[in-house]
Each structure stands twice: as structure tokens, then as C-alpha cells.
């Protein structure tokens, strides 16, 4: 009844993070009221403490906050 979606695997970079606030309401408009992002970027990119903090802050405004990364220093 209530689909849960996510933005897909993203590269850990500022460009990906700046797109997330636009992507969340767009998903809501097409019926995904429960939406999350793969915070941490499971695909490539580089680790930056400020960048990581900002991405978690952006994710805090999503209905589902999900830190998801594989083999990336973000989770260290």
C-alpha cells in the first residue's frame, strides 16, 4: 500500500548530495511517500568528514534515514 523507495546507488561526491533535496519531493509526487537515500555512497568517490556530515544532515529530512555503503571509509 505504501511503497518504499530509494534514490539508487550514488557516487560519494558533492554533486550527488546537492541533487538529493530535489529528488526527495519528486519521488513523493509520484507516490513514493517513504523515501530514502544511500547515504555514504556505495559507489566510488572519496571520504571527506564535512561531506559525510552534510550528507547525513540531508538524509535527516528524508522519511527513512539509511546509511548504506560497502567497502567505503564512510562507515569506518
Protein backbone atom coordinates (compact mmCIF):
# COMPACT_ATOMS: atom_id res chain seq x y z
CA UNK A 1 0.00 0.00 0.00
CA UNK A 2 2.81 2.39 0.82
CA UNK A 3 5.85 1.77 -1.35
CA UNK A 4 9.33 2.33 0.00
CA UNK A 5 11.88 3.55 -2.50
CA UNK A 6 15.44 4.75 -2.51
CA UNK A 7 17.45 7.01 -4.79
CA UNK A 8 19.71 4.26 -6.01
CA UNK A 9 23.40 3.76 -5.67
CA UNK A 10 25.24 7.04 -5.89
CA UNK A 11 28.81 8.17 -6.09
CA UNK A 12 30.14 9.86 -2.96
CA UNK A 13 30.52 13.41 -4.31
CA UNK A 14 29.05 16.86 -3.68
CA UNK A 15 27.07 16.78 -6.92
CA UNK A 16 25.15 13.70 -5.76
CA UNK A 17 24.37 15.27 -2.37
CA UNK A 18 23.13 18.55 -3.83
CA UNK A 19 20.68 16.64 -6.03
CA UNK A 20 19.10 14.70 -3.13
CA UNK A 21 16.88 17.55 -1.77
CA UNK A 22 15.32 17.88 -5.22
CA UNK A 23 14.98 14.14 -5.70
CA UNK A 24 13.04 13.50 -2.46
CA UNK A 25 9.97 15.67 -3.22
CA UNK A 26 9.99 14.44 -6.80
CA UNK A 27 9.65 10.87 -5.52
CA UNK A 28 6.80 11.96 -3.27
CA UNK A 29 4.95 13.49 -6.20
CA UNK A 30 4.87 10.15 -7.99
CA UNK A 31 3.67 8.20 -4.96
CA UNK A 32 6.80 7.19 -3.04
CA UNK A 33 5.91 8.73 0.29
CA UNK A 34 8.54 6.64 2.11
CA UNK A 35 11.84 7.54 0.52
CA UNK A 36 15.50 7.08 1.42
CA UNK A 37 18.94 7.66 0.02
CA UNK A 38 22.05 5.53 0.12
CA UNK A 39 23.89 7.89 2.43
CA UNK A 40 27.58 7.21 2.25
CA UNK A 41 27.80 6.44 -1.42
CA UNK A 42 28.42 2.76 -2.00
CA UNK A 43 29.91 3.60 -5.38
CA UNK A 44 33.39 5.12 -5.54
CA UNK A 45 34.09 8.72 -4.51
CA UNK A 46 36.33 9.85 -1.69
CA UNK A 47 35.97 10.36 2.05
CA UNK A 48 35.69 13.86 3.49
CA UNK A 49 34.44 14.38 7.09
CA UNK A 50 32.48 17.56 6.27
CA UNK A 51 30.96 15.96 3.21
CA UNK A 52 29.87 12.93 5.23
CA UNK A 53 28.28 15.12 7.90
CA UNK A 54 26.37 17.15 5.31
CA UNK A 55 25.07 14.01 3.63
CA UNK A 56 23.70 12.68 6.93
CA UNK A 57 22.07 16.08 7.54
CA UNK A 58 20.37 15.94 4.14
CA UNK A 59 19.24 12.39 4.87
CA UNK A 60 17.73 13.54 8.17
CA UNK A 61 14.98 15.26 6.18
CA UNK A 62 14.06 12.05 4.38
CA UNK A 63 11.29 9.82 5.74
CA UNK A 64 13.83 6.98 6.08
CA UNK A 65 17.43 7.67 7.11
CA UNK A 66 19.63 4.90 5.80
CA UNK A 67 23.42 4.86 5.93
CA UNK A 68 24.46 2.37 3.30
CA UNK A 69 27.94 1.85 1.96
CA UNK A 70 30.15 -1.07 1.06
CA UNK A 71 33.90 -1.07 1.40
CA UNK A 72 33.95 2.69 1.89
CA UNK A 73 35.67 4.66 4.70
CA UNK A 74 32.34 6.42 5.40
CA UNK A 75 31.33 3.58 7.71
CA UNK A 76 34.69 3.40 9.46
